């Protein structure tokens, strides 16, 4: 529950491009492929950070 504000801000930021046109719109425009790449890199960085934090946490016990 404490992460609700951050989650809703992230969802609002990523939902903006999908609301640009009426109807179903899930593909990027001509110059917006960077958005998918940036999202994938962000997910990988988050997963790496979580794995590193978990590994460091296990060694300190």
PDB file of N, CA and C in Angstrom:
ATOM      1  N   UNK A   1       0.814  -1.191   0.000  1.00  0.00           N
ATOM      2  CA  UNK A   1       0.000   0.000   0.000  1.00  0.00           C
ATOM      3  C   UNK A   1       0.860   1.258   0.000  1.00  0.00           C
ATOM      4  N   UNK A   2       2.057   1.182   0.618  1.00  0.00           N
ATOM      5  CA  UNK A   2       2.894   2.373   0.682  1.00  0.00           C
ATOM      6  C   UNK A   2       3.510   2.719  -0.672  1.00  0.00           C
ATOM      7  N   UNK A   3       3.508   1.797  -1.607  1.00  0.00           N
ATOM      8  CA  UNK A   3       4.061   2.059  -2.934  1.00  0.00           C
ATOM      9  C   UNK A   3       2.976   2.432  -3.943  1.00  0.00           C
ATOM     10  N   UNK A   4       1.771   2.649  -3.478  1.00  0.00           N
ATOM     11  CA  UNK A   4       0.651   2.922  -4.373  1.00  0.00           C
ATOM     12  C   UNK A   4       0.851   4.215  -5.159  1.00  0.00           C
ATOM     13  N   UNK A   5       1.376   5.256  -4.523  1.00  0.00           N
ATOM     14  CA  UNK A   5       1.576   6.534  -5.202  1.00  0.00           C
ATOM     15  C   UNK A   5       2.611   6.387  -6.312  1.00  0.00           C
ATOM     16  N   UNK A   6       3.715   5.729  -6.028  1.00  0.00           N
ATOM     17  CA  UNK A   6       4.748   5.536  -7.046  1.00  0.00           C
ATOM     18  C   UNK A   6       4.241   4.656  -8.179  1.00  0.00           C
ATOM     19  N   UNK A   7       3.485   3.624  -7.837  1.00  0.00           N
ATOM     20  CA  UNK A   7       2.944   2.739  -8.863  1.00  0.00           C
ATOM     21  C   UNK A   7       1.949   3.474  -9.749  1.00  0.00           C
ATOM     22  N   UNK A   8       1.071   4.265  -9.159  1.00  0.00           N
ATOM     23  CA  UNK A   8       0.095   4.976  -9.978  1.00  0.00           C
ATOM     24  C   UNK A   8       0.767   6.048 -10.824  1.00  0.00           C
ATOM     25  N   UNK A   9       1.837   6.666 -10.334  1.00  0.00           N
ATOM     26  CA  UNK A   9       2.565   7.640 -11.142  1.00  0.00           C
ATOM     27  C   UNK A   9       3.245   6.953 -12.326  1.00  0.00           C
ATOM     28  N   UNK A  10       3.819   5.778 -12.091  1.00  0.00           N
ATOM     29  CA  UNK A  10       4.464   5.038 -13.178  1.00  0.00           C
ATOM     30  C   UNK A  10       3.445   4.586 -14.216  1.00  0.00           C
ATOM     31  N   UNK A  11       2.303   4.119 -13.767  1.00  0.00           N
ATOM     32  CA  UNK A  11       1.265   3.691 -14.704  1.00  0.00           C
ATOM     33  C   UNK A  11       0.711   4.868 -15.495  1.00  0.00           C
ATOM     34  N   UNK A  12       0.564   6.011 -14.853  1.00  0.00           N
ATOM     35  CA  UNK A  12       0.073   7.195 -15.557  1.00  0.00           C
ATOM     36  C   UNK A  12       1.068   7.656 -16.610  1.00  0.00           C
ATOM     37  N   UNK A  13       2.356   7.564 -16.303  1.00  0.00           N
ATOM     38  CA  UNK A  13       3.380   7.984 -17.260  1.00  0.00           C
ATOM     39  C   UNK A  13       3.441   7.051 -18.461  1.00  0.00           C
ATOM     40  N   UNK A  14       3.249   5.764 -18.246  1.00  0.00           N
ATOM     41  CA  UNK A  14       3.327   4.825 -19.359  1.00  0.00           C
ATOM     42  C   UNK A  14       2.019   4.713 -20.121  1.00  0.00           C
ATOM     43  N   UNK A  15       0.916   5.103 -19.517  1.00  0.00           N
ATOM     44  CA  UNK A  15      -0.369   5.007 -20.199  1.00  0.00           C
ATOM     45  C   UNK A  15      -0.613   6.193 -21.121  1.00  0.00           C
ATOM     46  N   UNK A  16       0.128   7.270 -20.963  1.00  0.00           N
ATOM     47  CA  UNK A  16      -0.067   8.469 -21.776  1.00  0.00           C
ATOM     48  C   UNK A  16      -0.001   8.221 -23.276  1.00  0.00           C
ATOM     49  N   UNK A  17       1.048   7.564 -23.786  1.00  0.00           N
ATOM     50  CA  UNK A  17       1.113   7.326 -25.225  1.00  0.00           C
ATOM     51  C   UNK A  17      -0.038   6.470 -25.751  1.00  0.00           C
ATOM     52  N   UNK A  18      -0.555   5.579 -24.945  1.00  0.00           N
ATOM     53  CA  UNK A  18      -1.660   4.736 -25.395  1.00  0.00           C
ATOM     54  C   UNK A  18      -2.954   5.522 -25.504  1.00  0.00           C
ATOM     55  N   UNK A  19      -3.043   6.646 -24.819  1.00  0.00           N
ATOM     56  CA  UNK A  19      -4.253   7.461 -24.863  1.00  0.00           C
ATOM     57  C   UNK A  19      -4.189   8.536 -25.943  1.00  0.00           C
ATOM     58  N   UNK A  20      -3.149   8.523 -26.775  1.00  0.00           N
ATOM     59  CA  UNK A  20      -2.981   9.556 -27.782  1.00  0.00           C
ATOM     60  C   UNK A  20      -4.032   9.480 -28.879  1.00  0.00           C
ATOM     61  N   UNK A  21      -4.525   8.301 -29.179  1.00  0.00           N
ATOM     62  CA  UNK A  21      -5.509   8.119 -30.242  1.00  0.00           C
ATOM     63  C   UNK A  21      -6.653   7.261 -29.731  1.00  0.00           C
ATOM     64  N   UNK A  22      -7.841   7.418 -30.288  1.00  0.00           N
ATOM     65  CA  UNK A  22      -8.950   6.552 -29.870  1.00  0.00           C
ATOM     66  C   UNK A  22      -8.753   5.125 -30.379  1.00  0.00           C
ATOM     67  N   UNK A  23      -9.364   4.189 -29.714  1.00  0.00           N
ATOM     68  CA  UNK A  23      -9.284   2.788 -30.122  1.00  0.00           C
ATOM     69  C   UNK A  23      -8.061   2.104 -29.544  1.00  0.00           C
ATOM     70  N   UNK A  24      -7.891   0.854 -29.929  1.00  0.00           N
ATOM     71  CA  UNK A  24      -6.750   0.075 -29.438  1.00  0.00           C
ATOM     72  C   UNK A  24      -5.465   0.654 -30.006  1.00  0.00           C
ATOM     73  N   UNK A  25      -4.486   0.843 -29.153  1.00  0.00           N
ATOM     74  CA  UNK A  25      -3.244   1.468 -29.591  1.00  0.00           C
ATOM     75  C   UNK A  25      -2.116   0.922 -28.729  1.00  0.00           C
ATOM     76  N   UNK A  26      -1.491  -0.135 -29.160  1.00  0.00           N
ATOM     77  CA  UNK A  26      -0.450  -0.753 -28.347  1.00  0.00           C
ATOM     78  C   UNK A  26       0.908  -0.792 -29.041  1.00  0.00           C
ATOM     79  N   UNK A  27       1.032  -0.235 -30.225  1.00  0.00           N
ATOM     80  CA  UNK A  27       2.317  -0.255 -30.923  1.00  0.00           C
ATOM     81  C   UNK A  27       2.951   1.135 -30.886  1.00  0.00           C
ATOM     82  N   UNK A  28       4.280   1.211 -30.854  1.00  0.00           N
ATOM     83  CA  UNK A  28       4.936   2.519 -30.856  1.00  0.00           C
ATOM     84  C   UNK A  28       4.918   3.136 -32.253  1.00  0.00           C
ATOM     85  N   UNK A  29       5.007   4.435 -32.311  1.00  0.00           N
ATOM     86  CA  UNK A  29       5.082   5.133 -33.596  1.00  0.00           C
ATOM     87  C   UNK A  29       6.487   4.995 -34.169  1.00  0.00           C
ATOM     88  N   UNK A  30       6.727   5.617 -35.305  1.00  0.00           N
ATOM     89  CA  UNK A  30       7.976   5.421 -36.042  1.00  0.00           C
ATOM     90  C   UNK A  30       9.230   5.685 -35.212  1.00  0.00           C
ATOM     91  N   UNK A  31       9.270   6.754 -34.455  1.00  0.00           N
ATOM     92  CA  UNK A  31      10.483   7.072 -33.715  1.00  0.00           C
ATOM     93  C   UNK A  31      10.450   6.638 -32.264  1.00  0.00           C
ATOM     94  N   UNK A  32       9.469   5.868 -31.864  1.00  0.00           N
ATOM     95  CA  UNK A  32       9.287   5.576 -30.443  1.00  0.00           C
ATOM     96  C   UNK A  32       9.708   4.163 -30.049  1.00  0.00           C
ATOM     97  N   UNK A  33      10.531   3.519 -30.849  1.00  0.00           N
ATOM     98  CA  UNK A  33      10.992   2.192 -30.453  1.00  0.00           C
ATOM     99  C   UNK A  33      11.903   2.273 -29.236  1.00  0.00           C
ATOM    100  N   UNK A  34      12.476   3.438 -28.991  1.00  0.00           N
ATOM    101  CA  UNK A  34      13.340   3.615 -27.828  1.00  0.00           C
ATOM    102  C   UNK A  34      12.568   3.380 -26.539  1.00  0.00           C
ATOM    103  N   UNK A  35      11.260   3.606 -26.563  1.00  0.00           N
ATOM    104  CA  UNK A  35      10.455   3.436 -25.357  1.00  0.00           C
ATOM    105  C   UNK A  35      10.444   1.973 -24.915  1.00  0.00           C
ATOM    106  N   UNK A  36      10.300   1.062 -25.853  1.00  0.00           N
ATOM    107  CA  UNK A  36      10.330  -0.362 -25.517  1.00  0.00           C
ATOM    108  C   UNK A  36      11.716  -0.773 -25.027  1.00  0.00           C
ATOM    109  N   UNK A  37      12.755  -0.250 -25.658  1.00  0.00           N
ATOM    110  CA  UNK A  37      14.125  -0.564 -25.239  1.00  0.00           C
ATOM    111  C   UNK A  37      14.390  -0.003 -23.846  1.00  0.00           C
ATOM    112  N   UNK A  38      13.964   1.229 -23.597  1.00  0.00           N
ATOM    113  CA  UNK A  38      14.168   1.837 -22.276  1.00  0.00           C
ATOM    114  C   UNK A  38      13.403   1.069 -21.202  1.00  0.00           C
ATOM    115  N   UNK A  39      12.206   0.625 -21.519  1.00  0.00           N
ATOM    116  CA  UNK A  39      11.433  -0.166 -20.559  1.00  0.00           C
ATOM    117  C   UNK A  39      12.103  -1.487 -20.240  1.00  0.00           C
ATOM    118  N   UNK A  40      12.609  -2.150 -21.265  1.00  0.00           N
ATOM    119  CA  UNK A  40      13.300  -3.425 -21.051  1.00  0.00           C
ATOM    120  C   UNK A  40      14.572  -3.229 -20.229  1.00  0.00           C
ATOM    121  N   UNK A  41      15.322  -2.163 -20.514  1.00  0.00           N
ATOM    122  CA  UNK A  41      16.528  -1.879 -19.736  1.00  0.00           C
ATOM    123  C   UNK A  41      16.190  -1.551 -18.287  1.00  0.00           C
ATOM    124  N   UNK A  42      15.095  -0.837 -18.075  1.00  0.00           N
ATOM    125  CA  UNK A  42      14.681  -0.505 -16.710  1.00  0.00           C
ATOM    126  C   UNK A  42      14.303  -1.760 -15.935  1.00  0.00           C
ATOM    127  N   UNK A  43      13.602  -2.673 -16.589  1.00  0.00           N
ATOM    128  CA  UNK A  43      13.222  -3.926 -15.925  1.00  0.00           C
ATOM    129  C   UNK A  43      14.465  -4.744 -15.588  1.00  0.00           C
ATOM    130  N   UNK A  44      15.426  -4.798 -16.520  1.00  0.00           N
ATOM    131  CA  UNK A  44      16.659  -5.545 -16.255  1.00  0.00           C
ATOM    132  C   UNK A  44      17.469  -4.903 -15.131  1.00  0.00           C
ATOM    133  N   UNK A  45      17.524  -3.571 -15.101  1.00  0.00           N
ATOM    134  CA  UNK A  45      18.255  -2.888 -14.032  1.00  0.00           C
ATOM    135  C   UNK A  45      17.591  -3.126 -12.684  1.00  0.00           C
ATOM    136  N   UNK A  46      16.280  -3.088 -12.655  1.00  0.00           N
ATOM    137  CA  UNK A  46      15.554  -3.345 -11.413  1.00  0.00           C
ATOM    138  C   UNK A  46      15.781  -4.775 -10.934  1.00  0.00           C
ATOM    139  N   UNK A  47      15.704  -5.722 -11.853  1.00  0.00           N
ATOM    140  CA  UNK A  47      15.924  -7.123 -11.481  1.00  0.00           C
ATOM    141  C   UNK A  47      17.354  -7.333 -10.987  1.00  0.00           C
ATOM    142  N   UNK A  48      18.319  -6.707 -11.630  1.00  0.00           N
ATOM    143  CA  UNK A  48      19.705  -6.815 -11.192  1.00  0.00           C
ATOM    144  C   UNK A  48      19.917  -6.196  -9.822  1.00  0.00           C
ATOM    145  N   UNK A  49      19.307  -5.049  -9.591  1.00  0.00           N
ATOM    146  CA  UNK A  49      19.413  -4.406  -8.284  1.00  0.00           C
ATOM    147  C   UNK A  49      18.786  -5.233  -7.182  1.00  0.00           C
ATOM    148  N   UNK A  50      17.640  -5.816  -7.468  1.00  0.00           N
ATOM    149  CA  UNK A  50      16.986  -6.671  -6.476  1.00  0.00           C
ATOM    150  C   UNK A  50      17.812  -7.924  -6.193  1.00  0.00           C
ATOM    151  N   UNK A  51      18.384  -8.512  -7.241  1.00  0.00           N
ATOM    152  CA  UNK A  51      19.218  -9.699  -7.048  1.00  0.00           C
ATOM    153  C   UNK A  51      20.467  -9.357  -6.242  1.00  0.00           C
ATOM    154  N   UNK A  52      21.069  -8.211  -6.527  1.00  0.00           N
ATOM    155  CA  UNK A  52      22.256  -7.787  -5.783  1.00  0.00           C
ATOM    156  C   UNK A  52      21.920  -7.514  -4.323  1.00  0.00           C
ATOM    157  N   UNK A  53      20.810  -6.837  -4.081  1.00  0.00           N
ATOM    158  CA  UNK A  53      20.400  -6.559  -2.702  1.00  0.00           C
ATOM    159  C   UNK A  53      20.094  -7.851  -1.953  1.00  0.00           C
ATOM    160  N   UNK A  54      19.480  -8.782  -2.633  1.00  0.00           N
ATOM    161  CA  UNK A  54      19.167 -10.065  -1.989  1.00  0.00           C
ATOM    162  C   UNK A  54      20.449 -10.843  -1.682  1.00  0.00           C
ATOM    163  N   UNK A  55      21.400 -10.817  -2.607  1.00  0.00           N
ATOM    164  CA  UNK A  55      22.663 -11.529  -2.393  1.00  0.00           C
ATOM    165  C   UNK A  55      23.455 -10.900  -1.250  1.00  0.00           C
ATOM    166  N   UNK A  56      23.478  -9.591  -1.184  1.00  0.00           N
ATOM    167  CA  UNK A  56      24.184  -8.916  -0.094  1.00  0.00           C
ATOM    168  C   UNK A  56      23.483  -9.149   1.235  1.00  0.00           C
ATOM    169  N   UNK A  57      22.176  -9.201   1.210  1.00  0.00           N
ATOM    170  CA  UNK A  57      21.417  -9.431   2.434  1.00  0.00           C
ATOM    171  C   UNK A  57      21.639 -10.820   2.987  1.00  0.00           C
ATOM    172  N   UNK A  58      21.788 -11.801   2.118  1.00  0.00           N
ATOM    173  CA  UNK A  58      22.011 -13.178   2.561  1.00  0.00           C
ATOM    174  C   UNK A  58      23.391 -13.341   3.195  1.00  0.00           C
ATOM    175  N   UNK A  59      24.393 -12.620   2.736  1.00  0.00           N
ATOM    176  CA  UNK A  59      25.755 -12.752   3.250  1.00  0.00           C
ATOM    177  C   UNK A  59      25.915 -12.091   4.614  1.00  0.00           C
ATOM    178  N   UNK A  60      25.107 -11.103   4.910  1.00  0.00           N
ATOM    179  CA  UNK A  60      25.246 -10.364   6.162  1.00  0.00           C
ATOM    180  C   UNK A  60      24.617 -11.092   7.340  1.00  0.00           C
ATOM    181  N   UNK A  61      23.804 -12.092   7.114  1.00  0.00           N
ATOM    182  CA  UNK A  61      23.103 -12.783   8.206  1.00  0.00           C
ATOM    183  C   UNK A  61      24.011 -13.700   8.970  1.00  0.00           C
TER     184      UNK A  61
END
